[in-house]
Structure formats: C-alpha cells, structure tokens
Amino acid sequence: MGKLVNLNKFRKRKARVEKERQTETNRRLHGRTKAERAQDLLRKRKLETQVDGARLEPPKEPEE
C-alpha cells in the first residue's frame, strides 16, 4: 500500500515556499537599510550642489 499524503499540508507547504521566494525577490528589489537610503540622499544632494556651483549663468526663474 502506498504512503498517505495529507493534501492540505502539502498545499500549505507549497504556498509557504512560494511566499518565501516572493519575499526574497522583494527584499532584493526594495530592501535597503535606512543608512543606505540616507547615504544615497547625501550623495544626490552633494552632486546637485556641485552641478549648481559649476553653472555659468544662474537658472532662469519660470514666468507666470
């Protein structure tokens, strides 16, 4: 006689594995620490100030 398998447990285990796989994908795509985000923001601001400082003429104000 063959081994009995509880299909509910099988389905739950399969769903749990799939959820973990999706979670890992999301972590890789979106997961950054607060320090990493702050460092990127600091780099962006520093680059903007360098670019603004290198302008030959001041930016024109938009007319209304």
C-alpha atoms as a PDB file:
ATOM      1  CA  MET A   1       0.000   0.000   0.000  1.00  0.00           C
ATOM      2  CA  GLY A   2       1.260   3.489  -0.835  1.00  0.00           C
ATOM      3  CA  LYS A   3       2.074   6.257   1.595  1.00  0.00           C
ATOM      4  CA  LEU A   4      -0.816   8.529   2.515  1.00  0.00           C
ATOM      5  CA  VAL A   5      -0.284  12.242   1.905  1.00  0.00           C
ATOM      6  CA  ASN A   6      -2.280  14.998   3.551  1.00  0.00           C
ATOM      7  CA  LEU A   7      -3.042  17.350   0.670  1.00  0.00           C
ATOM      8  CA  ASN A   8      -3.803  20.303   2.963  1.00  0.00           C
ATOM      9  CA  LYS A   9      -0.322  20.140   4.477  1.00  0.00           C
ATOM     10  CA  PHE A  10       1.183  19.773   1.014  1.00  0.00           C
ATOM     11  CA  ARG A  11      -0.677  22.848  -0.285  1.00  0.00           C
ATOM     12  CA  LYS A  12       0.247  24.932   2.752  1.00  0.00           C
ATOM     13  CA  ARG A  13       3.901  23.958   2.482  1.00  0.00           C
ATOM     14  CA  LYS A  14       3.916  24.801  -1.229  1.00  0.00           C
ATOM     15  CA  ALA A  15       2.280  28.195  -0.555  1.00  0.00           C
ATOM     16  CA  ARG A  16       4.783  28.935   2.235  1.00  0.00           C
ATOM     17  CA  VAL A  17       7.736  28.151  -0.043  1.00  0.00           C
ATOM     18  CA  GLU A  18       6.311  30.343  -2.815  1.00  0.00           C
ATOM     19  CA  LYS A  19       5.706  33.182  -0.375  1.00  0.00           C
ATOM     20  CA  GLU A  20       9.311  32.944   0.861  1.00  0.00           C
ATOM     21  CA  ARG A  21      10.554  33.028  -2.723  1.00  0.00           C
ATOM     22  CA  GLN A  22       8.492  36.170  -3.429  1.00  0.00           C
ATOM     23  CA  THR A  23       9.669  37.762  -0.176  1.00  0.00           C
ATOM     24  CA  GLU A  24      13.299  37.186  -1.091  1.00  0.00           C
ATOM     25  CA  THR A  25      12.726  38.766  -4.503  1.00  0.00           C
ATOM     26  CA  ASN A  26      11.123  41.818  -2.894  1.00  0.00           C
ATOM     27  CA  ARG A  27      13.987  42.122  -0.424  1.00  0.00           C
ATOM     28  CA  ARG A  28      16.481  42.200  -3.260  1.00  0.00           C
ATOM     29  CA  LEU A  29      14.471  44.752  -5.238  1.00  0.00           C
ATOM     30  CA  HIS A  30      13.306  47.091  -2.493  1.00  0.00           C
ATOM     31  CA  GLY A  31      15.144  46.239   0.674  1.00  0.00           C
ATOM     32  CA  ARG A  32      17.696  48.836   1.673  1.00  0.00           C
ATOM     33  CA  THR A  33      18.629  49.926   5.133  1.00  0.00           C
ATOM     34  CA  LYS A  34      17.874  53.391   6.417  1.00  0.00           C
ATOM     35  CA  ALA A  35      21.602  54.165   6.399  1.00  0.00           C
ATOM     36  CA  GLU A  36      21.896  53.200   2.720  1.00  0.00           C
ATOM     37  CA  ARG A  37      18.963  55.443   1.791  1.00  0.00           C
ATOM     38  CA  ALA A  38      20.447  58.324   3.795  1.00  0.00           C
ATOM     39  CA  GLN A  39      23.833  57.858   2.139  1.00  0.00           C
ATOM     40  CA  ASP A  40      22.257  57.898  -1.328  1.00  0.00           C
ATOM     41  CA  LEU A  41      20.334  61.070  -0.459  1.00  0.00           C
ATOM     42  CA  LEU A  42      23.534  62.723   0.757  1.00  0.00           C
ATOM     43  CA  ARG A  43      25.355  61.778  -2.467  1.00  0.00           C
ATOM     44  CA  LYS A  44      22.476  63.140  -4.542  1.00  0.00           C
ATOM     45  CA  ARG A  45      22.438  66.462  -2.689  1.00  0.00           C
ATOM     46  CA  LYS A  46      26.225  66.792  -2.929  1.00  0.00           C
ATOM     47  CA  LEU A  47      26.133  66.140  -6.676  1.00  0.00           C
ATOM     48  CA  GLU A  48      23.343  68.695  -7.138  1.00  0.00           C
ATOM     49  CA  THR A  49      25.313  71.366  -5.292  1.00  0.00           C
ATOM     50  CA  GLN A  50      28.410  70.615  -7.378  1.00  0.00           C
ATOM     51  CA  VAL A  51      26.418  70.908 -10.595  1.00  0.00           C
ATOM     52  CA  ASP A  52      24.703  74.105  -9.451  1.00  0.00           C
ATOM     53  CA  GLY A  53      28.066  75.590  -8.466  1.00  0.00           C
ATOM     54  CA  ALA A  54      29.505  74.876 -11.901  1.00  0.00           C
ATOM     55  CA  ARG A  55      26.776  76.762 -13.792  1.00  0.00           C
ATOM     56  CA  LEU A  56      27.976  79.662 -15.903  1.00  0.00           C
ATOM     57  CA  GLU A  57      24.771  81.630 -15.506  1.00  0.00           C
ATOM     58  CA  PRO A  58      22.099  81.382 -12.815  1.00  0.00           C
ATOM     59  CA  PRO A  59      18.989  79.358 -13.627  1.00  0.00           C
ATOM     60  CA  LYS A  60      16.101  81.372 -15.036  1.00  0.00           C
ATOM     61  CA  GLU A  61      13.020  81.759 -12.891  1.00  0.00           C
ATOM     62  CA  PRO A  62       9.843  80.439 -14.505  1.00  0.00           C
ATOM     63  CA  GLU A  63       7.482  83.181 -15.620  1.00  0.00           C
ATOM     64  CA  GLU A  64       3.874  83.039 -14.582  1.00  0.00           C
END
